């Protein structure tokens, strides 16, 4: 068992303006569990999912492809799904990925 205290969590800039990530667990296949923060207006361009992704919206609102998801919503993307994301509000997401994402 391991515990990561909130006081020890570090967010790292993703290289995309307004988006940062705190890696909680690395599964060894370029995936794992992360907290992702998107500032209002941040845009994550089209990307492919080589494996599945599950996301739970902790706060905020974001347009993911043609859907708008907000606090309390759950999103599942299967392997091969391609979409973009734009934060409508400051947003925090708990994300689980099987094999990460690939920018297109």
PDB file of N, CA and C in Angstrom:
ATOM      1  N   UNK A   1       0.851  -1.174   0.000  1.00  0.00           N
ATOM      2  CA  UNK A   1       0.000   0.000   0.000  1.00  0.00           C
ATOM      3  C   UNK A   1       0.893   1.232   0.000  1.00  0.00           C
ATOM      4  N   UNK A   2       0.458   2.243  -0.730  1.00  0.00           N
ATOM      5  CA  UNK A   2       1.177   3.510  -0.675  1.00  0.00           C
ATOM      6  C   UNK A   2       0.168   4.650  -0.606  1.00  0.00           C
ATOM      7  N   UNK A   3       0.581   5.726   0.008  1.00  0.00           N
ATOM      8  CA  UNK A   3      -0.259   6.904   0.164  1.00  0.00           C
ATOM      9  C   UNK A   3       0.540   8.105  -0.321  1.00  0.00           C
ATOM     10  N   UNK A   4      -0.083   8.945  -1.125  1.00  0.00           N
ATOM     11  CA  UNK A   4       0.522  10.208  -1.523  1.00  0.00           C
ATOM     12  C   UNK A   4      -0.284  11.301  -0.839  1.00  0.00           C
ATOM     13  N   UNK A   5       0.336  11.989   0.077  1.00  0.00           N
ATOM     14  CA  UNK A   5      -0.339  13.065   0.803  1.00  0.00           C
ATOM     15  C   UNK A   5      -0.553  14.255  -0.123  1.00  0.00           C
ATOM     16  N   UNK A   6      -1.670  14.920   0.042  1.00  0.00           N
ATOM     17  CA  UNK A   6      -1.966  16.069  -0.814  1.00  0.00           C
ATOM     18  C   UNK A   6      -0.867  17.124  -0.727  1.00  0.00           C
ATOM     19  N   UNK A   7      -0.242  17.249   0.427  1.00  0.00           N
ATOM     20  CA  UNK A   7       0.828  18.240   0.588  1.00  0.00           C
ATOM     21  C   UNK A   7       2.075  17.887  -0.216  1.00  0.00           C
ATOM     22  N   UNK A   8       2.195  16.627  -0.653  1.00  0.00           N
ATOM     23  CA  UNK A   8       3.368  16.186  -1.417  1.00  0.00           C
ATOM     24  C   UNK A   8       3.098  16.110  -2.920  1.00  0.00           C
ATOM     25  N   UNK A   9       1.860  16.377  -3.330  1.00  0.00           N
ATOM     26  CA  UNK A   9       1.525  16.281  -4.754  1.00  0.00           C
ATOM     27  C   UNK A   9       2.117  17.459  -5.509  1.00  0.00           C
ATOM     28  N   UNK A  10       2.786  17.152  -6.618  1.00  0.00           N
ATOM     29  CA  UNK A  10       3.412  18.182  -7.434  1.00  0.00           C
ATOM     30  C   UNK A  10       2.821  18.155  -8.836  1.00  0.00           C
ATOM     31  N   UNK A  11       2.351  19.314  -9.272  1.00  0.00           N
ATOM     32  CA  UNK A  11       1.840  19.454 -10.630  1.00  0.00           C
ATOM     33  C   UNK A  11       2.969  19.924 -11.531  1.00  0.00           C
ATOM     34  N   UNK A  12       3.062  19.318 -12.704  1.00  0.00           N
ATOM     35  CA  UNK A  12       4.102  19.631 -13.680  1.00  0.00           C
ATOM     36  C   UNK A  12       3.415  20.171 -14.932  1.00  0.00           C
ATOM     37  N   UNK A  13       3.965  21.242 -15.479  1.00  0.00           N
ATOM     38  CA  UNK A  13       3.412  21.788 -16.722  1.00  0.00           C
ATOM     39  C   UNK A  13       3.518  20.737 -17.814  1.00  0.00           C
ATOM     40  N   UNK A  14       2.484  20.635 -18.623  1.00  0.00           N
ATOM     41  CA  UNK A  14       2.415  19.594 -19.651  1.00  0.00           C
ATOM     42  C   UNK A  14       3.139  19.971 -20.943  1.00  0.00           C
ATOM     43  N   UNK A  15       3.492  21.234 -21.089  1.00  0.00           N
ATOM     44  CA  UNK A  15       4.029  21.709 -22.360  1.00  0.00           C
ATOM     45  C   UNK A  15       2.941  22.337 -23.217  1.00  0.00           C
ATOM     46  N   UNK A  16       1.698  22.229 -22.756  1.00  0.00           N
ATOM     47  CA  UNK A  16       0.569  22.877 -23.416  1.00  0.00           C
ATOM     48  C   UNK A  16       0.066  23.945 -22.452  1.00  0.00           C
ATOM     49  N   UNK A  17      -0.001  25.180 -22.926  1.00  0.00           N
ATOM     50  CA  UNK A  17      -0.345  26.301 -22.066  1.00  0.00           C
ATOM     51  C   UNK A  17      -1.655  26.070 -21.311  1.00  0.00           C
ATOM     52  N   UNK A  18      -1.591  26.261 -19.997  1.00  0.00           N
ATOM     53  CA  UNK A  18      -2.783  26.159 -19.157  1.00  0.00           C
ATOM     54  C   UNK A  18      -3.115  24.760 -18.686  1.00  0.00           C
ATOM     55  N   UNK A  19      -2.257  23.778 -18.990  1.00  0.00           N
ATOM     56  CA  UNK A  19      -2.527  22.392 -18.587  1.00  0.00           C
ATOM     57  C   UNK A  19      -1.345  21.860 -17.786  1.00  0.00           C
ATOM     58  N   UNK A  20      -1.638  21.328 -16.595  1.00  0.00           N
ATOM     59  CA  UNK A  20      -0.610  20.715 -15.764  1.00  0.00           C
ATOM     60  C   UNK A  20      -1.122  19.374 -15.252  1.00  0.00           C
ATOM     61  N   UNK A  21      -0.192  18.554 -14.789  1.00  0.00           N
ATOM     62  CA  UNK A  21      -0.529  17.182 -14.407  1.00  0.00           C
ATOM     63  C   UNK A  21       0.251  16.765 -13.168  1.00  0.00           C
ATOM     64  N   UNK A  22      -0.401  16.015 -12.318  1.00  0.00           N
ATOM     65  CA  UNK A  22       0.229  15.401 -11.156  1.00  0.00           C
ATOM     66  C   UNK A  22       0.111  13.886 -11.323  1.00  0.00           C
ATOM     67  N   UNK A  23       1.234  13.229 -11.603  1.00  0.00           N
ATOM     68  CA  UNK A  23       1.205  11.780 -11.787  1.00  0.00           C
ATOM     69  C   UNK A  23       1.110  11.100 -10.425  1.00  0.00           C
ATOM     70  N   UNK A  24       0.095  10.241 -10.282  1.00  0.00           N
ATOM     71  CA  UNK A  24      -0.109   9.511  -9.033  1.00  0.00           C
ATOM     72  C   UNK A  24       0.439   8.094  -9.120  1.00  0.00           C
ATOM     73  N   UNK A  25       0.331   7.498 -10.322  1.00  0.00           N
ATOM     74  CA  UNK A  25       0.791   6.112 -10.509  1.00  0.00           C
ATOM     75  C   UNK A  25       1.142   5.899 -11.964  1.00  0.00           C
ATOM     76  N   UNK A  26       2.280   5.266 -12.207  1.00  0.00           N
ATOM     77  CA  UNK A  26       2.735   4.919 -13.555  1.00  0.00           C
ATOM     78  C   UNK A  26       2.566   3.413 -13.707  1.00  0.00           C
ATOM     79  N   UNK A  27       1.797   2.988 -14.718  1.00  0.00           N
ATOM     80  CA  UNK A  27       1.519   1.557 -14.862  1.00  0.00           C
ATOM     81  C   UNK A  27       2.577   0.802 -15.665  1.00  0.00           C
ATOM     82  N   UNK A  28       3.618   1.521 -16.149  1.00  0.00           N
ATOM     83  CA  UNK A  28       4.688   0.861 -16.891  1.00  0.00           C
ATOM     84  C   UNK A  28       4.415   0.691 -18.370  1.00  0.00           C
ATOM     85  N   UNK A  29       3.238   1.117 -18.861  1.00  0.00           N
ATOM     86  CA  UNK A  29       2.933   1.031 -20.289  1.00  0.00           C
ATOM     87  C   UNK A  29       2.557   2.409 -20.831  1.00  0.00           C
ATOM     88  N   UNK A  30       3.171   3.458 -20.274  1.00  0.00           N
ATOM     89  CA  UNK A  30       2.931   4.856 -20.641  1.00  0.00           C
ATOM     90  C   UNK A  30       1.574   5.344 -20.161  1.00  0.00           C
ATOM     91  N   UNK A  31       0.932   4.624 -19.293  1.00  0.00           N
ATOM     92  CA  UNK A  31      -0.352   5.030 -18.737  1.00  0.00           C
ATOM     93  C   UNK A  31      -0.265   5.112 -17.232  1.00  0.00           C
ATOM     94  N   UNK A  32      -1.415   5.222 -16.609  1.00  0.00           N
ATOM     95  CA  UNK A  32      -1.471   5.271 -15.159  1.00  0.00           C
ATOM     96  C   UNK A  32      -2.592   6.160 -14.685  1.00  0.00           C
ATOM     97  N   UNK A  33      -2.390   6.760 -13.507  1.00  0.00           N
ATOM     98  CA  UNK A  33      -3.388   7.597 -12.868  1.00  0.00           C
ATOM     99  C   UNK A  33      -2.802   8.974 -12.641  1.00  0.00           C
ATOM    100  N   UNK A  34      -3.557   9.997 -13.007  1.00  0.00           N
ATOM    101  CA  UNK A  34      -3.081  11.371 -12.868  1.00  0.00           C
ATOM    102  C   UNK A  34      -4.220  12.304 -12.495  1.00  0.00           C
ATOM    103  N   UNK A  35      -3.850  13.395 -11.840  1.00  0.00           N
ATOM    104  CA  UNK A  35      -4.735  14.538 -11.696  1.00  0.00           C
ATOM    105  C   UNK A  35      -4.330  15.524 -12.780  1.00  0.00           C
ATOM    106  N   UNK A  36      -5.292  16.038 -13.517  1.00  0.00           N
ATOM    107  CA  UNK A  36      -5.009  16.968 -14.610  1.00  0.00           C
ATOM    108  C   UNK A  36      -5.772  18.256 -14.345  1.00  0.00           C
ATOM    109  N   UNK A  37      -5.046  19.379 -14.415  1.00  0.00           N
ATOM    110  CA  UNK A  37      -5.659  20.696 -14.252  1.00  0.00           C
ATOM    111  C   UNK A  37      -5.630  21.434 -15.580  1.00  0.00           C
ATOM    112  N   UNK A  38      -6.775  21.976 -15.951  1.00  0.00           N
ATOM    113  CA  UNK A  38      -6.878  22.801 -17.152  1.00  0.00           C
ATOM    114  C   UNK A  38      -7.438  24.157 -16.730  1.00  0.00           C
ATOM    115  N   UNK A  39      -6.729  25.221 -17.047  1.00  0.00           N
ATOM    116  CA  UNK A  39      -7.237  26.555 -16.793  1.00  0.00           C
ATOM    117  C   UNK A  39      -8.278  26.894 -17.844  1.00  0.00           C
ATOM    118  N   UNK A  40      -9.250  27.729 -17.484  1.00  0.00           N
ATOM    119  CA  UNK A  40     -10.291  28.131 -18.434  1.00  0.00           C
ATOM    120  C   UNK A  40      -9.643  28.598 -19.734  1.00  0.00           C
ATOM    121  N   UNK A  41     -10.121  28.073 -20.853  1.00  0.00           N
ATOM    122  CA  UNK A  41      -9.604  28.433 -22.167  1.00  0.00           C
ATOM    123  C   UNK A  41      -8.479  27.549 -22.658  1.00  0.00           C
ATOM    124  N   UNK A  42      -7.893  26.723 -21.779  1.00  0.00           N
ATOM    125  CA  UNK A  42      -6.802  25.835 -22.208  1.00  0.00           C
ATOM    126  C   UNK A  42      -7.332  24.852 -23.245  1.00  0.00           C
ATOM    127  N   UNK A  43      -6.501  24.587 -24.248  1.00  0.00           N
ATOM    128  CA  UNK A  43      -6.915  23.707 -25.342  1.00  0.00           C
ATOM    129  C   UNK A  43      -5.919  22.569 -25.489  1.00  0.00           C
ATOM    130  N   UNK A  44      -6.416  21.333 -25.390  1.00  0.00           N
ATOM    131  CA  UNK A  44      -5.621  20.132 -25.615  1.00  0.00           C
ATOM    132  C   UNK A  44      -6.000  19.632 -27.001  1.00  0.00           C
ATOM    133  N   UNK A  45      -5.071  19.711 -27.974  1.00  0.00           N
ATOM    134  CA  UNK A  45      -5.422  19.399 -29.368  1.00  0.00           C
ATOM    135  C   UNK A  45      -5.798  17.930 -29.585  1.00  0.00           C
ATOM    136  N   UNK A  46      -6.277  17.641 -30.798  1.00  0.00           N
ATOM    137  CA  UNK A  46      -6.648  16.268 -31.137  1.00  0.00           C
ATOM    138  C   UNK A  46      -5.551  15.299 -30.721  1.00  0.00           C
ATOM    139  N   UNK A  47      -5.988  14.220 -30.107  1.00  0.00           N
ATOM    140  CA  UNK A  47      -5.054  13.176 -29.673  1.00  0.00           C
ATOM    141  C   UNK A  47      -5.741  11.828 -29.779  1.00  0.00           C
ATOM    142  N   UNK A  48      -4.909  10.816 -29.953  1.00  0.00           N
ATOM    143  CA  UNK A  48      -5.352   9.429 -30.083  1.00  0.00           C
ATOM    144  C   UNK A  48      -5.152   8.714 -28.753  1.00  0.00           C
ATOM    145  N   UNK A  49      -5.993   7.756 -28.512  1.00  0.00           N
ATOM    146  CA  UNK A  49      -5.859   6.888 -27.336  1.00  0.00           C
ATOM    147  C   UNK A  49      -5.421   5.500 -27.793  1.00  0.00           C
ATOM    148  N   UNK A  50      -4.135   5.154 -27.595  1.00  0.00           N
ATOM    149  CA  UNK A  50      -3.693   3.809 -27.975  1.00  0.00           C
ATOM    150  C   UNK A  50      -4.289   2.727 -27.071  1.00  0.00           C
ATOM    151  N   UNK A  51      -4.763   3.117 -25.920  1.00  0.00           N
ATOM    152  CA  UNK A  51      -5.471   2.235 -24.986  1.00  0.00           C
ATOM    153  C   UNK A  51      -6.640   3.022 -24.423  1.00  0.00           C
ATOM    154  N   UNK A  52      -7.406   2.427 -23.542  1.00  0.00           N
ATOM    155  CA  UNK A  52      -8.575   3.114 -22.984  1.00  0.00           C
ATOM    156  C   UNK A  52      -8.166   4.260 -22.062  1.00  0.00           C
ATOM    157  N   UNK A  53      -9.111   5.168 -21.857  1.00  0.00           N
ATOM    158  CA  UNK A  53      -8.966   6.249 -20.881  1.00  0.00           C
ATOM    159  C   UNK A  53     -10.278   6.365 -20.120  1.00  0.00           C
ATOM    160  N   UNK A  54     -10.167   6.551 -18.815  1.00  0.00           N
ATOM    161  CA  UNK A  54     -11.315   6.849 -17.983  1.00  0.00           C
ATOM    162  C   UNK A  54     -11.030   8.166 -17.279  1.00  0.00           C
ATOM    163  N   UNK A  55     -12.025   9.039 -17.218  1.00  0.00           N
ATOM    164  CA  UNK A  55     -11.829  10.331 -16.574  1.00  0.00           C
ATOM    165  C   UNK A  55     -13.049  10.677 -15.737  1.00  0.00           C
ATOM    166  N   UNK A  56     -12.796  11.158 -14.526  1.00  0.00           N
ATOM    167  CA  UNK A  56     -13.848  11.628 -13.644  1.00  0.00           C
ATOM    168  C   UNK A  56     -13.606  13.110 -13.413  1.00  0.00           C
ATOM    169  N   UNK A  57     -14.599  13.938 -13.677  1.00  0.00           N
ATOM    170  CA  UNK A  57     -14.454  15.383 -13.560  1.00  0.00           C
ATOM    171  C   UNK A  57     -14.679  15.772 -12.095  1.00  0.00           C
ATOM    172  N   UNK A  58     -13.601  16.231 -11.464  1.00  0.00           N
ATOM    173  CA  UNK A  58     -13.666  16.615 -10.054  1.00  0.00           C
ATOM    174  C   UNK A  58     -14.260  18.003  -9.873  1.00  0.00           C
ATOM    175  N   UNK A  59     -13.944  18.905 -10.807  1.00  0.00           N
ATOM    176  CA  UNK A  59     -14.480  20.267 -10.749  1.00  0.00           C
ATOM    177  C   UNK A  59     -14.381  20.882 -12.139  1.00  0.00           C
ATOM    178  N   UNK A  60     -15.230  21.881 -12.380  1.00  0.00           N
ATOM    179  CA  UNK A  60     -15.157  22.616 -13.629  1.00  0.00           C
ATOM    180  C   UNK A  60     -16.013  22.044 -14.736  1.00  0.00           C
ATOM    181  N   UNK A  61     -15.683  22.496 -15.962  1.00  0.00           N
ATOM    182  CA  UNK A  61     -16.440  22.102 -17.144  1.00  0.00           C
ATOM    183  C   UNK A  61     -15.503  22.143 -18.336  1.00  0.00           C
ATOM    184  N   UNK A  62     -15.552  21.102 -19.181  1.00  0.00           N
ATOM    185  CA  UNK A  62     -14.672  21.010 -20.343  1.00  0.00           C
ATOM    186  C   UNK A  62     -15.430  20.394 -21.517  1.00  0.00           C
ATOM    187  N   UNK A  63     -15.177  20.932 -22.717  1.00  0.00           N
ATOM    188  CA  UNK A  63     -15.726  20.347 -23.939  1.00  0.00           C
ATOM    189  C   UNK A  63     -14.731  19.305 -24.420  1.00  0.00           C
ATOM    190  N   UNK A  64     -15.193  18.065 -24.532  1.00  0.00           N
ATOM    191  CA  UNK A  64     -14.357  16.952 -24.993  1.00  0.00           C
ATOM    192  C   UNK A  64     -14.989  16.442 -26.277  1.00  0.00           C
ATOM    193  N   UNK A  65     -14.330  16.745 -27.397  1.00  0.00           N
ATOM    194  CA  UNK A  65     -14.959  16.420 -28.678  1.00  0.00           C
ATOM    195  C   UNK A  65     -16.274  17.155 -28.777  1.00  0.00           C
ATOM    196  N   UNK A  66     -17.360  16.450 -28.998  1.00  0.00           N
ATOM    197  CA  UNK A  66     -18.678  17.077 -29.135  1.00  0.00           C
ATOM    198  C   UNK A  66     -19.479  17.082 -27.832  1.00  0.00           C
ATOM    199  N   UNK A  67     -18.901  16.560 -26.770  1.00  0.00           N
ATOM    200  CA  UNK A  67     -19.589  16.493 -25.469  1.00  0.00           C
ATOM    201  C   UNK A  67     -19.065  17.559 -24.521  1.00  0.00           C
ATOM    202  N   UNK A  68     -19.920  18.070 -23.657  1.00  0.00           N
ATOM    203  CA  UNK A  68     -19.494  18.940 -22.565  1.00  0.00           C
ATOM    204  C   UNK A  68     -19.676  18.140 -21.275  1.00  0.00           C
ATOM    205  N   UNK A  69     -18.579  17.991 -20.548  1.00  0.00           N
ATOM    206  CA  UNK A  69     -18.617  17.253 -19.287  1.00  0.00           C
ATOM    207  C   UNK A  69     -18.296  18.221 -18.161  1.00  0.00           C
ATOM    208  N   UNK A  70     -18.884  17.955 -16.989  1.00  0.00           N
ATOM    209  CA  UNK A  70     -18.697  18.845 -15.853  1.00  0.00           C
ATOM    210  C   UNK A  70     -18.619  18.047 -14.559  1.00  0.00           C
ATOM    211  N   UNK A  71     -18.406  18.761 -13.465  1.00  0.00           N
ATOM    212  CA  UNK A  71     -18.232  18.140 -12.158  1.00  0.00           C
ATOM    213  C   UNK A  71     -19.195  16.972 -11.956  1.00  0.00           C
ATOM    214  N   UNK A  72     -18.624  15.817 -11.593  1.00  0.00           N
ATOM    215  CA  UNK A  72     -19.421  14.629 -11.325  1.00  0.00           C
ATOM    216  C   UNK A  72     -19.615  13.712 -12.514  1.00  0.00           C
ATOM    217  N   UNK A  73     -19.266  14.184 -13.722  1.00  0.00           N
ATOM    218  CA  UNK A  73     -19.428  13.358 -14.923  1.00  0.00           C
ATOM    219  C   UNK A  73     -18.248  12.398 -15.077  1.00  0.00           C
ATOM    220  N   UNK A  74     -18.518  11.285 -15.736  1.00  0.00           N
ATOM    221  CA  UNK A  74     -17.515  10.253 -16.030  1.00  0.00           C
ATOM    222  C   UNK A  74     -17.408  10.124 -17.541  1.00  0.00           C
ATOM    223  N   UNK A  75     -16.177  10.007 -18.027  1.00  0.00           N
ATOM    224  CA  UNK A  75     -15.925   9.875 -19.464  1.00  0.00           C
ATOM    225  C   UNK A  75     -15.106   8.617 -19.708  1.00  0.00           C
ATOM    226  N   UNK A  76     -15.483   7.850 -20.729  1.00  0.00           N
ATOM    227  CA  UNK A  76     -14.704   6.685 -21.136  1.00  0.00           C
ATOM    228  C   UNK A  76     -14.362   6.837 -22.606  1.00  0.00           C
ATOM    229  N   UNK A  77     -13.080   6.722 -22.948  1.00  0.00           N
ATOM    230  CA  UNK A  77     -12.629   6.704 -24.344  1.00  0.00           C
ATOM    231  C   UNK A  77     -11.980   5.355 -24.592  1.00  0.00           C
ATOM    232  N   UNK A  78     -12.420   4.679 -25.636  1.00  0.00           N
ATOM    233  CA  UNK A  78     -11.846   3.363 -25.946  1.00  0.00           C
ATOM    234  C   UNK A  78     -10.589   3.537 -26.799  1.00  0.00           C
ATOM    235  N   UNK A  79      -9.784   2.511 -26.886  1.00  0.00           N
ATOM    236  CA  UNK A  79      -8.585   2.538 -27.727  1.00  0.00           C
ATOM    237  C   UNK A  79      -8.979   2.946 -29.140  1.00  0.00           C
ATOM    238  N   UNK A  80      -8.232   3.884 -29.709  1.00  0.00           N
ATOM    239  CA  UNK A  80      -8.499   4.353 -31.064  1.00  0.00           C
ATOM    240  C   UNK A  80      -9.352   5.602 -31.132  1.00  0.00           C
ATOM    241  N   UNK A  81      -9.992   5.990 -30.013  1.00  0.00           N
ATOM    242  CA  UNK A  81     -10.791   7.215 -30.020  1.00  0.00           C
ATOM    243  C   UNK A  81      -9.876   8.423 -30.187  1.00  0.00           C
ATOM    244  N   UNK A  82     -10.327   9.370 -30.978  1.00  0.00           N
ATOM    245  CA  UNK A  82      -9.598  10.615 -31.225  1.00  0.00           C
ATOM    246  C   UNK A  82     -10.527  11.774 -30.861  1.00  0.00           C
ATOM    247  N   UNK A  83     -10.023  12.715 -30.077  1.00  0.00           N
ATOM    248  CA  UNK A  83     -10.799  13.901 -29.723  1.00  0.00           C
ATOM    249  C   UNK A  83      -9.865  14.992 -29.227  1.00  0.00           C
ATOM    250  N   UNK A  84     -10.417  16.192 -29.077  1.00  0.00           N
ATOM    251  CA  UNK A  84      -9.693  17.292 -28.462  1.00  0.00           C
ATOM    252  C   UNK A  84     -10.411  17.637 -27.163  1.00  0.00           C
ATOM    253  N   UNK A  85      -9.913  18.648 -26.449  1.00  0.00           N
ATOM    254  CA  UNK A  85     -10.561  19.092 -25.218  1.00  0.00           C
ATOM    255  C   UNK A  85     -10.272  20.566 -25.012  1.00  0.00           C
ATOM    256  N   UNK A  86     -11.306  21.316 -24.612  1.00  0.00           N
ATOM    257  CA  UNK A  86     -11.133  22.729 -24.300  1.00  0.00           C
ATOM    258  C   UNK A  86     -11.850  23.037 -22.999  1.00  0.00           C
ATOM    259  N   UNK A  87     -11.095  23.613 -22.054  1.00  0.00           N
ATOM    260  CA  UNK A  87     -11.663  23.942 -20.749  1.00  0.00           C
ATOM    261  C   UNK A  87     -12.571  25.163 -20.862  1.00  0.00           C
ATOM    262  N   UNK A  88     -13.805  25.018 -20.466  1.00  0.00           N
ATOM    263  CA  UNK A  88     -14.768  26.112 -20.433  1.00  0.00           C
ATOM    264  C   UNK A  88     -14.591  26.893 -19.134  1.00  0.00           C
ATOM    265  N   UNK A  89     -14.253  26.173 -18.073  1.00  0.00           N
ATOM    266  CA  UNK A  89     -13.957  26.732 -16.759  1.00  0.00           C
ATOM    267  C   UNK A  89     -12.659  26.092 -16.274  1.00  0.00           C
ATOM    268  N   UNK A  90     -12.056  26.655 -15.216  1.00  0.00           N
ATOM    269  CA  UNK A  90     -10.958  25.947 -14.571  1.00  0.00           C
ATOM    270  C   UNK A  90     -11.484  24.564 -14.206  1.00  0.00           C
ATOM    271  N   UNK A  91     -10.729  23.530 -14.557  1.00  0.00           N
ATOM    272  CA  UNK A  91     -11.214  22.156 -14.425  1.00  0.00           C
ATOM    273  C   UNK A  91     -10.138  21.265 -13.831  1.00  0.00           C
ATOM    274  N   UNK A  92     -10.556  20.329 -12.990  1.00  0.00           N
ATOM    275  CA  UNK A  92      -9.639  19.305 -12.483  1.00  0.00           C
ATOM    276  C   UNK A  92     -10.254  17.941 -12.757  1.00  0.00           C
ATOM    277  N   UNK A  93      -9.416  17.052 -13.303  1.00  0.00           N
ATOM    278  CA  UNK A  93      -9.859  15.723 -13.740  1.00  0.00           C
ATOM    279  C   UNK A  93      -8.986  14.662 -13.102  1.00  0.00           C
ATOM    280  N   UNK A  94      -9.609  13.590 -12.645  1.00  0.00           N
ATOM    281  CA  UNK A  94      -8.886  12.389 -12.222  1.00  0.00           C
ATOM    282  C   UNK A  94      -8.914  11.457 -13.426  1.00  0.00           C
ATOM    283  N   UNK A  95      -7.735  11.211 -14.017  1.00  0.00           N
ATOM    284  CA  UNK A  95      -7.650  10.454 -15.271  1.00  0.00           C
ATOM    285  C   UNK A  95      -6.888   9.151 -15.081  1.00  0.00           C
ATOM    286  N   UNK A  96      -7.407   8.098 -15.684  1.00  0.00           N
ATOM    287  CA  UNK A  96      -6.785   6.780 -15.693  1.00  0.00           C
ATOM    288  C   UNK A  96      -6.565   6.400 -17.153  1.00  0.00           C
ATOM    289  N   UNK A  97      -5.340   6.122 -17.551  1.00  0.00           N
ATOM    290  CA  UNK A  97      -5.089   5.728 -18.933  1.00  0.00           C
ATOM    291  C   UNK A  97      -4.345   4.399 -18.971  1.00  0.00           C
ATOM    292  N   UNK A  98      -4.713   3.592 -19.951  1.00  0.00           N
ATOM    293  CA  UNK A  98      -4.053   2.304 -20.133  1.00  0.00           C
ATOM    294  C   UNK A  98      -2.678   2.484 -20.768  1.00  0.00           C
ATOM    295  N   UNK A  99      -2.597   3.338 -21.811  1.00  0.00           N
ATOM    296  CA  UNK A  99      -1.345   3.513 -22.552  1.00  0.00           C
ATOM    297  C   UNK A  99      -1.065   4.974 -22.892  1.00  0.00           C
ATOM    298  N   UNK A 100      -1.561   5.907 -22.104  1.00  0.00           N
ATOM    299  CA  UNK A 100      -1.320   7.315 -22.355  1.00  0.00           C
ATOM    300  C   UNK A 100      -2.068   7.830 -23.558  1.00  0.00           C
ATOM    301  N   UNK A 101      -1.599   8.957 -24.100  1.00  0.00           N
ATOM    302  CA  UNK A 101      -2.208   9.560 -25.288  1.00  0.00           C
ATOM    303  C   UNK A 101      -1.117   9.942 -26.269  1.00  0.00           C
ATOM    304  N   UNK A 102      -1.492  10.081 -27.530  1.00  0.00           N
ATOM    305  CA  UNK A 102      -0.563  10.488 -28.597  1.00  0.00           C
ATOM    306  C   UNK A 102      -1.134  11.697 -29.298  1.00  0.00           C
ATOM    307  N   UNK A 103      -0.420  12.833 -29.257  1.00  0.00           N
ATOM    308  CA  UNK A 103      -0.887  14.016 -29.983  1.00  0.00           C
ATOM    309  C   UNK A 103      -0.849  13.750 -31.483  1.00  0.00           C
ATOM    310  N   UNK A 104      -1.829  14.285 -32.172  1.00  0.00           N
ATOM    311  CA  UNK A 104      -1.909  14.085 -33.632  1.00  0.00           C
ATOM    312  C   UNK A 104      -1.433  15.350 -34.325  1.00  0.00           C
TER     313      UNK A 104
END
